[in-house]
Amino acid sequence: SMFRRCFPNTLDTMVGMMKDGRAYLIAGDIDFMWFRDSSVQVQPYITDQSLVLDETIVKVVEGTIHMQSFFIRYSPYGSSFRPNFRSNLPSDDGMTPFHISKARNVHVAMHNFGLDSLLYPL
């Protein structure tokens, strides 16, 4: 009973579908997308054979692959990403000299490359 209520939670609260079909998955309290986190978030939906052909699951998985591919091509050494700047800019968004010196830009939120980052995309 609890599993049936909790399992769809990622799809309901952490996935944003873009107009072009890409899926933007946030990790929770920070609304950026990481390769490892987004891959691990959709993994249970891929491995459950009863869900593999579900239209919503297929769209989320394909959309995640497309978004991860976009970010990898854009900046393979980035560690967390965003589709664009947020409308209510916190201190970690922006294009000040400090942000530019850290290799941040409109899509790269953090540039703290981890060795495992490129091992996780779907």
PDB file of N, CA and C in Angstrom:
ATOM      1  N   SER A   1       0.832  -1.192   0.000  1.00  0.00           N
ATOM      2  CA  SER A   1       0.000   0.000   0.000  1.00  0.00           C
ATOM      3  C   SER A   1       0.877   1.257   0.000  1.00  0.00           C
ATOM      4  N   MET A   2       1.879   1.306   0.886  1.00  0.00           N
ATOM      5  CA  MET A   2       2.747   2.471   0.929  1.00  0.00           C
ATOM      6  C   MET A   2       3.556   2.576  -0.363  1.00  0.00           C
ATOM      7  N   PHE A   3       4.046   1.441  -0.866  1.00  0.00           N
ATOM      8  CA  PHE A   3       4.818   1.432  -2.101  1.00  0.00           C
ATOM      9  C   PHE A   3       3.985   1.990  -3.252  1.00  0.00           C
ATOM     10  N   ARG A   4       2.737   1.575  -3.357  1.00  0.00           N
ATOM     11  CA  ARG A   4       1.874   2.056  -4.445  1.00  0.00           C
ATOM     12  C   ARG A   4       1.648   3.556  -4.384  1.00  0.00           C
ATOM     13  N   ARG A   5       1.676   4.113  -3.173  1.00  0.00           N
ATOM     14  CA  ARG A   5       1.517   5.568  -3.035  1.00  0.00           C
ATOM     15  C   ARG A   5       2.825   6.299  -3.298  1.00  0.00           C
ATOM     16  N   CYS A   6       3.951   5.699  -2.910  1.00  0.00           N
ATOM     17  CA  CYS A   6       5.244   6.382  -3.001  1.00  0.00           C
ATOM     18  C   CYS A   6       5.934   6.225  -4.351  1.00  0.00           C
ATOM     19  N   PHE A   7       5.765   5.103  -5.012  1.00  0.00           N
ATOM     20  CA  PHE A   7       6.494   4.819  -6.247  1.00  0.00           C
ATOM     21  C   PHE A   7       6.276   5.895  -7.324  1.00  0.00           C
ATOM     22  N   PRO A   8       5.052   6.376  -7.510  1.00  0.00           N
ATOM     23  CA  PRO A   8       4.853   7.416  -8.530  1.00  0.00           C
ATOM     24  C   PRO A   8       5.340   8.802  -8.108  1.00  0.00           C
ATOM     25  N   ASN A   9       5.824   8.948  -6.885  1.00  0.00           N
ATOM     26  CA  ASN A   9       6.202  10.251  -6.356  1.00  0.00           C
ATOM     27  C   ASN A   9       7.257  10.963  -7.209  1.00  0.00           C
ATOM     28  N   THR A  10       8.261  10.246  -7.678  1.00  0.00           N
ATOM     29  CA  THR A  10       9.283  10.878  -8.512  1.00  0.00           C
ATOM     30  C   THR A  10       8.667  11.477  -9.763  1.00  0.00           C
ATOM     31  N   LEU A  11       7.794  10.723 -10.391  1.00  0.00           N
ATOM     32  CA  LEU A  11       7.161  11.227 -11.606  1.00  0.00           C
ATOM     33  C   LEU A  11       6.288  12.443 -11.317  1.00  0.00           C
ATOM     34  N   ASP A  12       5.638  12.439 -10.175  1.00  0.00           N
ATOM     35  CA  ASP A  12       4.720  13.527  -9.827  1.00  0.00           C
ATOM     36  C   ASP A  12       5.433  14.787  -9.356  1.00  0.00           C
ATOM     37  N   THR A  13       6.568  14.639  -8.671  1.00  0.00           N
ATOM     38  CA  THR A  13       7.173  15.796  -8.013  1.00  0.00           C
ATOM     39  C   THR A  13       8.545  16.194  -8.534  1.00  0.00           C
ATOM     40  N   MET A  14       9.239  15.312  -9.221  1.00  0.00           N
ATOM     41  CA  MET A  14      10.620  15.603  -9.601  1.00  0.00           C
ATOM     42  C   MET A  14      10.851  15.734 -11.104  1.00  0.00           C
ATOM     43  N   VAL A  15       9.858  15.413 -11.913  1.00  0.00           N
ATOM     44  CA  VAL A  15      10.028  15.432 -13.363  1.00  0.00           C
ATOM     45  C   VAL A  15       9.263  16.601 -13.968  1.00  0.00           C
ATOM     46  N   GLY A  16       9.973  17.365 -14.767  1.00  0.00           N
ATOM     47  CA  GLY A  16       9.332  18.429 -15.539  1.00  0.00           C
ATOM     48  C   GLY A  16       9.541  18.135 -17.009  1.00  0.00           C
ATOM     49  N   MET A  17       8.465  17.989 -17.742  1.00  0.00           N
ATOM     50  CA  MET A  17       8.574  17.733 -19.173  1.00  0.00           C
ATOM     51  C   MET A  17       8.639  19.064 -19.912  1.00  0.00           C
ATOM     52  N   MET A  18       9.631  19.197 -20.766  1.00  0.00           N
ATOM     53  CA  MET A  18       9.810  20.404 -21.562  1.00  0.00           C
ATOM     54  C   MET A  18       8.931  20.296 -22.810  1.00  0.00           C
ATOM     55  N   LYS A  19       8.692  21.410 -23.448  1.00  0.00           N
ATOM     56  CA  LYS A  19       7.846  21.428 -24.651  1.00  0.00           C
ATOM     57  C   LYS A  19       8.426  20.586 -25.782  1.00  0.00           C
ATOM     58  N   ASP A  20       9.749  20.456 -25.818  1.00  0.00           N
ATOM     59  CA  ASP A  20      10.386  19.683 -26.887  1.00  0.00           C
ATOM     60  C   ASP A  20      10.517  18.194 -26.558  1.00  0.00           C
ATOM     61  N   GLY A  21       9.941  17.760 -25.438  1.00  0.00           N
ATOM     62  CA  GLY A  21       9.956  16.345 -25.075  1.00  0.00           C
ATOM     63  C   GLY A  21      11.082  15.940 -24.147  1.00  0.00           C
ATOM     64  N   ARG A  22      12.025  16.857 -23.880  1.00  0.00           N
ATOM     65  CA  ARG A  22      13.079  16.522 -22.930  1.00  0.00           C
ATOM     66  C   ARG A  22      12.505  16.538 -21.518  1.00  0.00           C
ATOM     67  N   ALA A  23      13.085  15.722 -20.645  1.00  0.00           N
ATOM     68  CA  ALA A  23      12.632  15.639 -19.255  1.00  0.00           C
ATOM     69  C   ALA A  23      13.702  16.242 -18.355  1.00  0.00           C
ATOM     70  N   TYR A  24      13.281  17.132 -17.488  1.00  0.00           N
ATOM     71  CA  TYR A  24      14.184  17.769 -16.528  1.00  0.00           C
ATOM     72  C   TYR A  24      13.859  17.205 -15.160  1.00  0.00           C
ATOM     73  N   LEU A  25      14.805  16.457 -14.571  1.00  0.00           N
ATOM     74  CA  LEU A  25      14.595  15.819 -13.273  1.00  0.00           C
ATOM     75  C   LEU A  25      15.413  16.536 -12.213  1.00  0.00           C
ATOM     76  N   ILE A  26      14.739  17.031 -11.197  1.00  0.00           N
ATOM     77  CA  ILE A  26      15.457  17.659 -10.096  1.00  0.00           C
ATOM     78  C   ILE A  26      15.761  16.613  -9.031  1.00  0.00           C
ATOM     79  N   ALA A  27      16.754  16.903  -8.234  1.00  0.00           N
ATOM     80  CA  ALA A  27      17.209  15.936  -7.242  1.00  0.00           C
ATOM     81  C   ALA A  27      16.452  16.033  -5.919  1.00  0.00           C
ATOM     82  N   GLY A  28      15.637  17.021  -5.752  1.00  0.00           N
ATOM     83  CA  GLY A  28      14.917  17.166  -4.490  1.00  0.00           C
ATOM     84  C   GLY A  28      14.882  18.607  -4.064  1.00  0.00           C
ATOM     85  N   ASP A  29      15.648  18.919  -3.038  1.00  0.00           N
ATOM     86  CA  ASP A  29      15.613  20.267  -2.481  1.00  0.00           C
ATOM     87  C   ASP A  29      16.355  21.289  -3.339  1.00  0.00           C
ATOM     88  N   ILE A  30      17.206  20.844  -4.243  1.00  0.00           N
ATOM     89  CA  ILE A  30      17.918  21.742  -5.151  1.00  0.00           C
ATOM     90  C   ILE A  30      17.388  21.481  -6.552  1.00  0.00           C
ATOM     91  N   ASP A  31      16.904  22.518  -7.186  1.00  0.00           N
ATOM     92  CA  ASP A  31      16.247  22.294  -8.480  1.00  0.00           C
ATOM     93  C   ASP A  31      17.207  22.323  -9.664  1.00  0.00           C
ATOM     94  N   PHE A  32      18.299  21.563  -9.540  1.00  0.00           N
ATOM     95  CA  PHE A  32      19.229  21.347 -10.636  1.00  0.00           C
ATOM     96  C   PHE A  32      19.175  19.872 -11.014  1.00  0.00           C
ATOM     97  N   MET A  33      19.702  19.552 -12.184  1.00  0.00           N
ATOM     98  CA  MET A  33      19.730  18.173 -12.661  1.00  0.00           C
ATOM     99  C   MET A  33      21.166  17.684 -12.689  1.00  0.00           C
ATOM    100  N   TRP A  34      21.396  16.513 -12.079  1.00  0.00           N
ATOM    101  CA  TRP A  34      22.695  15.839 -12.092  1.00  0.00           C
ATOM    102  C   TRP A  34      22.539  14.557 -12.902  1.00  0.00           C
ATOM    103  N   PHE A  35      23.599  14.135 -13.608  1.00  0.00           N
ATOM    104  CA  PHE A  35      23.529  12.902 -14.400  1.00  0.00           C
ATOM    105  C   PHE A  35      23.239  11.696 -13.523  1.00  0.00           C
ATOM    106  N   ARG A  36      24.014  11.531 -12.451  1.00  0.00           N
ATOM    107  CA  ARG A  36      23.866  10.361 -11.588  1.00  0.00           C
ATOM    108  C   ARG A  36      22.473  10.320 -10.963  1.00  0.00           C
ATOM    109  N   ASP A  37      22.047  11.435 -10.374  1.00  0.00           N
ATOM    110  CA  ASP A  37      20.759  11.463  -9.687  1.00  0.00           C
ATOM    111  C   ASP A  37      19.602  11.191 -10.642  1.00  0.00           C
ATOM    112  N   SER A  38      19.618  11.830 -11.805  1.00  0.00           N
ATOM    113  CA  SER A  38      18.501  11.646 -12.730  1.00  0.00           C
ATOM    114  C   SER A  38      18.451  10.218 -13.266  1.00  0.00           C
ATOM    115  N   SER A  39      19.608   9.611 -13.504  1.00  0.00           N
ATOM    116  CA  SER A  39      19.636   8.221 -13.967  1.00  0.00           C
ATOM    117  C   SER A  39      19.106   7.277 -12.897  1.00  0.00           C
ATOM    118  N   VAL A  40      19.548   7.491 -11.663  1.00  0.00           N
ATOM    119  CA  VAL A  40      19.109   6.627 -10.569  1.00  0.00           C
ATOM    120  C   VAL A  40      17.614   6.825 -10.285  1.00  0.00           C
ATOM    121  N   GLN A  41      17.121   8.027 -10.477  1.00  0.00           N
ATOM    122  CA  GLN A  41      15.702   8.275 -10.235  1.00  0.00           C
ATOM    123  C   GLN A  41      14.804   7.494 -11.191  1.00  0.00           C
ATOM    124  N   VAL A  42      15.201   7.355 -12.453  1.00  0.00           N
ATOM    125  CA  VAL A  42      14.342   6.639 -13.408  1.00  0.00           C
ATOM    126  C   VAL A  42      14.634   5.147 -13.484  1.00  0.00           C
ATOM    127  N   GLN A  43      15.744   4.704 -12.900  1.00  0.00           N
ATOM    128  CA  GLN A  43      16.127   3.288 -12.968  1.00  0.00           C
ATOM    129  C   GLN A  43      15.023   2.321 -12.518  1.00  0.00           C
ATOM    130  N   PRO A  44      14.336   2.561 -11.408  1.00  0.00           N
ATOM    131  CA  PRO A  44      13.293   1.606 -10.998  1.00  0.00           C
ATOM    132  C   PRO A  44      12.151   1.483 -12.014  1.00  0.00           C
ATOM    133  N   TYR A  45      11.888   2.533 -12.749  1.00  0.00           N
ATOM    134  CA  TYR A  45      10.812   2.500 -13.735  1.00  0.00           C
ATOM    135  C   TYR A  45      11.234   1.731 -14.990  1.00  0.00           C
ATOM    136  N   ILE A  46      12.535   1.682 -15.253  1.00  0.00           N
ATOM    137  CA  ILE A  46      13.054   0.942 -16.409  1.00  0.00           C
ATOM    138  C   ILE A  46      13.116  -0.545 -16.106  1.00  0.00           C
ATOM    139  N   THR A  47      13.479  -0.890 -14.881  1.00  0.00           N
ATOM    140  CA  THR A  47      13.678  -2.298 -14.534  1.00  0.00           C
ATOM    141  C   THR A  47      12.383  -3.024 -14.202  1.00  0.00           C
ATOM    142  N   ASP A  48      11.309  -2.306 -13.962  1.00  0.00           N
ATOM    143  CA  ASP A  48      10.014  -2.933 -13.676  1.00  0.00           C
ATOM    144  C   ASP A  48       9.340  -3.269 -15.004  1.00  0.00           C
ATOM    145  N   GLN A  49       9.324  -4.546 -15.362  1.00  0.00           N
ATOM    146  CA  GLN A  49       8.804  -4.986 -16.651  1.00  0.00           C
ATOM    147  C   GLN A  49       7.348  -4.572 -16.894  1.00  0.00           C
ATOM    148  N   SER A  50       6.580  -4.424 -15.844  1.00  0.00           N
ATOM    149  CA  SER A  50       5.181  -4.023 -16.024  1.00  0.00           C
ATOM    150  C   SER A  50       5.056  -2.557 -16.443  1.00  0.00           C
ATOM    151  N   LEU A  51       6.136  -1.781 -16.278  1.00  0.00           N
ATOM    152  CA  LEU A  51       6.089  -0.360 -16.614  1.00  0.00           C
ATOM    153  C   LEU A  51       6.817  -0.009 -17.898  1.00  0.00           C
ATOM    154  N   VAL A  52       7.592  -0.937 -18.440  1.00  0.00           N
ATOM    155  CA  VAL A  52       8.450  -0.641 -19.580  1.00  0.00           C
ATOM    156  C   VAL A  52       7.667  -0.105 -20.773  1.00  0.00           C
ATOM    157  N   LEU A  53       6.462  -0.556 -20.970  1.00  0.00           N
ATOM    158  CA  LEU A  53       5.677  -0.102 -22.115  1.00  0.00           C
ATOM    159  C   LEU A  53       4.673   0.993 -21.762  1.00  0.00           C
ATOM    160  N   ASP A  54       4.660   1.443 -20.520  1.00  0.00           N
ATOM    161  CA  ASP A  54       3.762   2.521 -20.118  1.00  0.00           C
ATOM    162  C   ASP A  54       4.164   3.801 -20.855  1.00  0.00           C
ATOM    163  N   GLU A  55       3.216   4.449 -21.508  1.00  0.00           N
ATOM    164  CA  GLU A  55       3.497   5.618 -22.343  1.00  0.00           C
ATOM    165  C   GLU A  55       4.174   6.750 -21.564  1.00  0.00           C
ATOM    166  N   THR A  56       3.717   7.000 -20.351  1.00  0.00           N
ATOM    167  CA  THR A  56       4.315   8.063 -19.539  1.00  0.00           C
ATOM    168  C   THR A  56       5.757   7.736 -19.183  1.00  0.00           C
ATOM    169  N   ILE A  57       6.006   6.488 -18.803  1.00  0.00           N
ATOM    170  CA  ILE A  57       7.365   6.062 -18.441  1.00  0.00           C
ATOM    171  C   ILE A  57       8.286   6.183 -19.648  1.00  0.00           C
ATOM    172  N   VAL A  58       7.821   5.749 -20.800  1.00  0.00           N
ATOM    173  CA  VAL A  58       8.627   5.833 -22.023  1.00  0.00           C
ATOM    174  C   VAL A  58       8.990   7.288 -22.309  1.00  0.00           C
ATOM    175  N   LYS A  59       8.030   8.197 -22.187  1.00  0.00           N
ATOM    176  CA  LYS A  59       8.299   9.622 -22.430  1.00  0.00           C
ATOM    177  C   LYS A  59       9.317  10.180 -21.439  1.00  0.00           C
ATOM    178  N   VAL A  60       9.194   9.801 -20.174  1.00  0.00           N
ATOM    179  CA  VAL A  60      10.130  10.291 -19.159  1.00  0.00           C
ATOM    180  C   VAL A  60      11.536   9.758 -19.423  1.00  0.00           C
ATOM    181  N   VAL A  61      11.653   8.466 -19.719  1.00  0.00           N
ATOM    182  CA  VAL A  61      12.975   7.873 -19.961  1.00  0.00           C
ATOM    183  C   VAL A  61      13.606   8.467 -21.222  1.00  0.00           C
ATOM    184  N   GLU A  62      12.840   8.517 -22.303  1.00  0.00           N
ATOM    185  CA  GLU A  62      13.371   9.109 -23.533  1.00  0.00           C
ATOM    186  C   GLU A  62      13.731  10.579 -23.319  1.00  0.00           C
ATOM    187  N   GLY A  63      12.868  11.301 -22.610  1.00  0.00           N
ATOM    188  CA  GLY A  63      13.119  12.710 -22.335  1.00  0.00           C
ATOM    189  C   GLY A  63      14.353  12.916 -21.477  1.00  0.00           C
ATOM    190  N   THR A  64      14.590  11.998 -20.539  1.00  0.00           N
ATOM    191  CA  THR A  64      15.788  12.071 -19.695  1.00  0.00           C
ATOM    192  C   THR A  64      17.036  11.841 -20.535  1.00  0.00           C
ATOM    193  N   ILE A  65      16.984  10.872 -21.422  1.00  0.00           N
ATOM    194  CA  ILE A  65      18.118  10.596 -22.312  1.00  0.00           C
ATOM    195  C   ILE A  65      18.418  11.824 -23.178  1.00  0.00           C
ATOM    196  N   HIS A  66      17.384  12.428 -23.734  1.00  0.00           N
ATOM    197  CA  HIS A  66      17.583  13.609 -24.586  1.00  0.00           C
ATOM    198  C   HIS A  66      18.154  14.781 -23.784  1.00  0.00           C
ATOM    199  N   MET A  67      17.663  14.986 -22.567  1.00  0.00           N
ATOM    200  CA  MET A  67      18.165  16.096 -21.753  1.00  0.00           C
ATOM    201  C   MET A  67      19.602  15.846 -21.328  1.00  0.00           C
ATOM    202  N   GLN A  68      19.898  14.627 -20.892  1.00  0.00           N
ATOM    203  CA  GLN A  68      21.275  14.309 -20.518  1.00  0.00           C
ATOM    204  C   GLN A  68      22.209  14.479 -21.712  1.00  0.00           C
ATOM    205  N   SER A  69      21.782  14.037 -22.881  1.00  0.00           N
ATOM    206  CA  SER A  69      22.601  14.178 -24.091  1.00  0.00           C
ATOM    207  C   SER A  69      22.860  15.647 -24.409  1.00  0.00           C
ATOM    208  N   PHE A  70      21.834  16.466 -24.275  1.00  0.00           N
ATOM    209  CA  PHE A  70      21.981  17.899 -24.506  1.00  0.00           C
ATOM    210  C   PHE A  70      23.027  18.489 -23.563  1.00  0.00           C
ATOM    211  N   PHE A  71      22.908  18.163 -22.269  1.00  0.00           N
ATOM    212  CA  PHE A  71      23.843  18.716 -21.292  1.00  0.00           C
ATOM    213  C   PHE A  71      25.270  18.191 -21.493  1.00  0.00           C
ATOM    214  N   ILE A  72      25.422  16.928 -21.860  1.00  0.00           N
ATOM    215  CA  ILE A  72      26.758  16.372 -22.105  1.00  0.00           C
ATOM    216  C   ILE A  72      27.413  17.076 -23.285  1.00  0.00           C
ATOM    217  N   ARG A  73      26.644  17.277 -24.348  1.00  0.00           N
ATOM    218  CA  ARG A  73      27.196  17.997 -25.503  1.00  0.00           C
ATOM    219  C   ARG A  73      27.511  19.449 -25.148  1.00  0.00           C
ATOM    220  N   TYR A  74      26.677  20.042 -24.329  1.00  0.00           N
ATOM    221  CA  TYR A  74      26.857  21.442 -23.958  1.00  0.00           C
ATOM    222  C   TYR A  74      28.087  21.635 -23.067  1.00  0.00           C
ATOM    223  N   SER A  75      28.245  20.771 -22.076  1.00  0.00           N
ATOM    224  CA  SER A  75      29.372  20.907 -21.151  1.00  0.00           C
ATOM    225  C   SER A  75      29.643  19.571 -20.460  1.00  0.00           C
ATOM    226  N   PRO A  76      30.496  18.735 -21.039  1.00  0.00           N
ATOM    227  CA  PRO A  76      30.743  17.415 -20.449  1.00  0.00           C
ATOM    228  C   PRO A  76      31.370  17.451 -19.059  1.00  0.00           C
ATOM    229  N   TYR A  77      31.942  18.589 -18.669  1.00  0.00           N
ATOM    230  CA  TYR A  77      32.573  18.678 -17.359  1.00  0.00           C
ATOM    231  C   TYR A  77      31.699  19.370 -16.317  1.00  0.00           C
ATOM    232  N   GLY A  78      30.490  19.711 -16.688  1.00  0.00           N
ATOM    233  CA  GLY A  78      29.574  20.281 -15.709  1.00  0.00           C
ATOM    234  C   GLY A  78      29.098  19.205 -14.749  1.00  0.00           C
ATOM    235  N   SER A  79      28.689  19.608 -13.570  1.00  0.00           N
ATOM    236  CA  SER A  79      28.204  18.613 -12.607  1.00  0.00           C
ATOM    237  C   SER A  79      26.705  18.735 -12.350  1.00  0.00           C
ATOM    238  N   SER A  80      26.162  19.925 -12.446  1.00  0.00           N
ATOM    239  CA  SER A  80      24.712  20.074 -12.327  1.00  0.00           C
ATOM    240  C   SER A  80      24.257  21.111 -13.342  1.00  0.00           C
ATOM    241  N   PHE A  81      23.036  20.917 -13.777  1.00  0.00           N
ATOM    242  CA  PHE A  81      22.535  21.684 -14.910  1.00  0.00           C
ATOM    243  C   PHE A  81      21.135  22.230 -14.646  1.00  0.00           C
ATOM    244  N   ARG A  82      20.755  23.193 -15.475  1.00  0.00           N
ATOM    245  CA  ARG A  82      19.415  23.773 -15.431  1.00  0.00           C
ATOM    246  C   ARG A  82      19.020  24.096 -16.870  1.00  0.00           C
ATOM    247  N   PRO A  83      17.729  24.087 -17.165  1.00  0.00           N
ATOM    248  CA  PRO A  83      17.316  24.386 -18.543  1.00  0.00           C
ATOM    249  C   PRO A  83      17.514  25.863 -18.894  1.00  0.00           C
ATOM    250  N   ASN A  84      17.452  26.738 -17.899  1.00  0.00           N
ATOM    251  CA  ASN A  84      17.659  28.172 -18.089  1.00  0.00           C
ATOM    252  C   ASN A  84      17.753  28.819 -16.716  1.00  0.00           C
ATOM    253  N   PHE A  85      18.015  30.108 -16.686  1.00  0.00           N
ATOM    254  CA  PHE A  85      18.047  30.795 -15.403  1.00  0.00           C
ATOM    255  C   PHE A  85      16.663  30.791 -14.779  1.00  0.00           C
ATOM    256  N   ARG A  86      16.616  30.707 -13.477  1.00  0.00           N
ATOM    257  CA  ARG A  86      15.337  30.779 -12.769  1.00  0.00           C
ATOM    258  C   ARG A  86      14.876  32.231 -12.719  1.00  0.00           C
ATOM    259  N   SER A  87      13.578  32.435 -12.693  1.00  0.00           N
ATOM    260  CA  SER A  87      13.049  33.800 -12.713  1.00  0.00           C
ATOM    261  C   SER A  87      13.341  34.559 -11.419  1.00  0.00           C
ATOM    262  N   ASN A  88      13.421  33.856 -10.297  1.00  0.00           N
ATOM    263  CA  ASN A  88      13.729  34.474  -9.021  1.00  0.00           C
ATOM    264  C   ASN A  88      15.174  34.120  -8.681  1.00  0.00           C
ATOM    265  N   LEU A  89      16.107  34.904  -9.186  1.00  0.00           N
ATOM    266  CA  LEU A  89      17.520  34.552  -9.100  1.00  0.00           C
ATOM    267  C   LEU A  89      18.053  34.498  -7.672  1.00  0.00           C
ATOM    268  N   PRO A  90      18.429  33.312  -7.213  1.00  0.00           N
ATOM    269  CA  PRO A  90      19.160  33.233  -5.943  1.00  0.00           C
ATOM    270  C   PRO A  90      20.631  33.551  -6.196  1.00  0.00           C
ATOM    271  N   SER A  91      21.435  33.485  -5.176  1.00  0.00           N
ATOM    272  CA  SER A  91      22.836  33.871  -5.298  1.00  0.00           C
ATOM    273  C   SER A  91      23.636  32.950  -6.219  1.00  0.00           C
ATOM    274  N   ASP A  92      23.176  31.718  -6.453  1.00  0.00           N
ATOM    275  CA  ASP A  92      23.949  30.806  -7.299  1.00  0.00           C
ATOM    276  C   ASP A  92      23.584  30.904  -8.773  1.00  0.00           C
ATOM    277  N   ASP A  93      22.645  31.758  -9.134  1.00  0.00           N
ATOM    278  CA  ASP A  93      22.325  32.012 -10.529  1.00  0.00           C
ATOM    279  C   ASP A  93      22.892  33.377 -10.894  1.00  0.00           C
ATOM    280  N   GLY A  94      23.246  33.535 -12.108  1.00  0.00           N
ATOM    281  CA  GLY A  94      23.720  34.826 -12.560  1.00  0.00           C
ATOM    282  C   GLY A  94      24.981  34.698 -13.382  1.00  0.00           C
ATOM    283  N   MET A  95      25.391  35.797 -13.938  1.00  0.00           N
ATOM    284  CA  MET A  95      26.568  35.814 -14.790  1.00  0.00           C
ATOM    285  C   MET A  95      27.559  36.873 -14.302  1.00  0.00           C
ATOM    286  N   THR A  96      27.759  36.946 -13.003  1.00  0.00           N
ATOM    287  CA  THR A  96      28.740  37.861 -12.442  1.00  0.00           C
ATOM    288  C   THR A  96      30.140  37.324 -12.750  1.00  0.00           C
ATOM    289  N   PRO A  97      31.165  38.132 -12.617  1.00  0.00           N
ATOM    290  CA  PRO A  97      32.524  37.620 -12.834  1.00  0.00           C
ATOM    291  C   PRO A  97      32.844  36.385 -11.979  1.00  0.00           C
ATOM    292  N   PHE A  98      32.310  36.337 -10.762  1.00  0.00           N
ATOM    293  CA  PHE A  98      32.521  35.163  -9.912  1.00  0.00           C
ATOM    294  C   PHE A  98      31.951  33.910 -10.575  1.00  0.00           C
ATOM    295  N   HIS A  99      30.711  33.987 -11.066  1.00  0.00           N
ATOM    296  CA  HIS A  99      30.079  32.828 -11.702  1.00  0.00           C
ATOM    297  C   HIS A  99      30.818  32.420 -12.967  1.00  0.00           C
ATOM    298  N   ILE A 100      31.223  33.387 -13.749  1.00  0.00           N
ATOM    299  CA  ILE A 100      31.946  33.095 -14.982  1.00  0.00           C
ATOM    300  C   ILE A 100      33.292  32.435 -14.664  1.00  0.00           C
ATOM    301  N   SER A 101      33.961  32.888 -13.616  1.00  0.00           N
ATOM    302  CA  SER A 101      35.245  32.282 -13.238  1.00  0.00           C
ATOM    303  C   SER A 101      35.081  30.836 -12.797  1.00  0.00           C
ATOM    304  N   LYS A 102      33.897  30.452 -12.371  1.00  0.00           N
ATOM    305  CA  LYS A 102      33.604  29.077 -11.954  1.00  0.00           C
ATOM    306  C   LYS A 102      33.041  28.248 -13.102  1.00  0.00           C
ATOM    307  N   ALA A 103      33.073  28.786 -14.332  1.00  0.00           N
ATOM    308  CA  ALA A 103      32.594  28.125 -15.554  1.00  0.00           C
ATOM    309  C   ALA A 103      31.084  27.878 -15.526  1.00  0.00           C
ATOM    310  N   ARG A 104      30.369  28.686 -14.778  1.00  0.00           N
ATOM    311  CA  ARG A 104      28.915  28.569 -14.758  1.00  0.00           C
ATOM    312  C   ARG A 104      28.348  29.414 -15.893  1.00  0.00           C
ATOM    313  N   ASN A 105      27.208  29.002 -16.384  1.00  0.00           N
ATOM    314  CA  ASN A 105      26.533  29.768 -17.424  1.00  0.00           C
ATOM    315  C   ASN A 105      25.047  29.439 -17.381  1.00  0.00           C
ATOM    316  N   VAL A 106      24.339  29.780 -18.411  1.00  0.00           N
ATOM    317  CA  VAL A 106      22.890  29.615 -18.378  1.00  0.00           C
ATOM    318  C   VAL A 106      22.471  28.163 -18.110  1.00  0.00           C
ATOM    319  N   HIS A 107      23.218  27.189 -18.613  1.00  0.00           N
ATOM    320  CA  HIS A 107      22.849  25.780 -18.414  1.00  0.00           C
ATOM    321  C   HIS A 107      23.676  25.070 -17.345  1.00  0.00           C
ATOM    322  N   VAL A 108      24.886  25.504 -17.101  1.00  0.00           N
ATOM    323  CA  VAL A 108      25.742  24.854 -16.106  1.00  0.00           C
ATOM    324  C   VAL A 108      25.580  25.580 -14.775  1.00  0.00           C
ATOM    325  N   ALA A 109      24.939  24.905 -13.834  1.00  0.00           N
ATOM    326  CA  ALA A 109      24.724  25.497 -12.514  1.00  0.00           C
ATOM    327  C   ALA A 109      25.956  25.329 -11.631  1.00  0.00           C
ATOM    328  N   MET A 110      26.577  24.167 -11.723  1.00  0.00           N
ATOM    329  CA  MET A 110      27.785  23.878 -10.952  1.00  0.00           C
ATOM    330  C   MET A 110      28.779  23.216 -11.897  1.00  0.00           C
ATOM    331  N   HIS A 111      30.035  23.538 -11.723  1.00  0.00           N
ATOM    332  CA  HIS A 111      31.068  22.986 -12.593  1.00  0.00           C
ATOM    333  C   HIS A 111      32.080  22.214 -11.765  1.00  0.00           C
ATOM    334  N   ASN A 112      31.601  21.494 -10.756  1.00  0.00           N
ATOM    335  CA  ASN A 112      32.447  20.671  -9.878  1.00  0.00           C
ATOM    336  C   ASN A 112      32.439  19.252 -10.428  1.00  0.00           C
ATOM    337  N   PHE A 113      33.182  19.020 -11.463  1.00  0.00           N
ATOM    338  CA  PHE A 113      33.162  17.732 -12.152  1.00  0.00           C
ATOM    339  C   PHE A 113      33.515  16.593 -11.213  1.00  0.00           C
ATOM    340  N   GLY A 114      32.727  15.532 -11.272  1.00  0.00           N
ATOM    341  CA  GLY A 114      33.016  14.317 -10.519  1.00  0.00           C
ATOM    342  C   GLY A 114      33.415  13.220 -11.486  1.00  0.00           C
ATOM    343  N   LEU A 115      34.361  12.394 -11.120  1.00  0.00           N
ATOM    344  CA  LEU A 115      34.827  11.340 -12.022  1.00  0.00           C
ATOM    345  C   LEU A 115      33.709  10.409 -12.470  1.00  0.00           C
ATOM    346  N   ASP A 116      32.695  10.250 -11.640  1.00  0.00           N
ATOM    347  CA  ASP A 116      31.620   9.318 -12.000  1.00  0.00           C
ATOM    348  C   ASP A 116      30.518   9.993 -12.814  1.00  0.00           C
ATOM    349  N   SER A 117      30.588  11.285 -13.035  1.00  0.00           N
ATOM    350  CA  SER A 117      29.505  11.997 -13.712  1.00  0.00           C
ATOM    351  C   SER A 117      29.154  11.400 -15.072  1.00  0.00           C
ATOM    352  N   LEU A 118      30.151  11.138 -15.879  1.00  0.00           N
ATOM    353  CA  LEU A 118      29.886  10.634 -17.228  1.00  0.00           C
ATOM    354  C   LEU A 118      29.688   9.124 -17.273  1.00  0.00           C
ATOM    355  N   LEU A 119      29.711   8.454 -16.134  1.00  0.00           N
ATOM    356  CA  LEU A 119      29.435   7.018 -16.099  1.00  0.00           C
ATOM    357  C   LEU A 119      27.952   6.731 -15.920  1.00  0.00           C
ATOM    358  N   TYR A 120      27.177   7.708 -15.512  1.00  0.00           N
ATOM    359  CA  TYR A 120      25.801   7.468 -15.131  1.00  0.00           C
ATOM    360  C   TYR A 120      24.727   7.753 -16.178  1.00  0.00           C
ATOM    361  N   PRO A 121      24.951   8.585 -17.192  1.00  0.00           N
ATOM    362  CA  PRO A 121      23.833   8.867 -18.104  1.00  0.00           C
ATOM    363  C   PRO A 121      23.227   7.589 -18.672  1.00  0.00           C
ATOM    364  N   LEU A 122      21.919   7.657 -18.929  1.00  0.00           N
ATOM    365  CA  LEU A 122      21.186   6.486 -19.416  1.00  0.00           C
ATOM    366  C   LEU A 122      21.656   6.038 -20.785  1.00  0.00           C
TER     367      LEU A 122
END
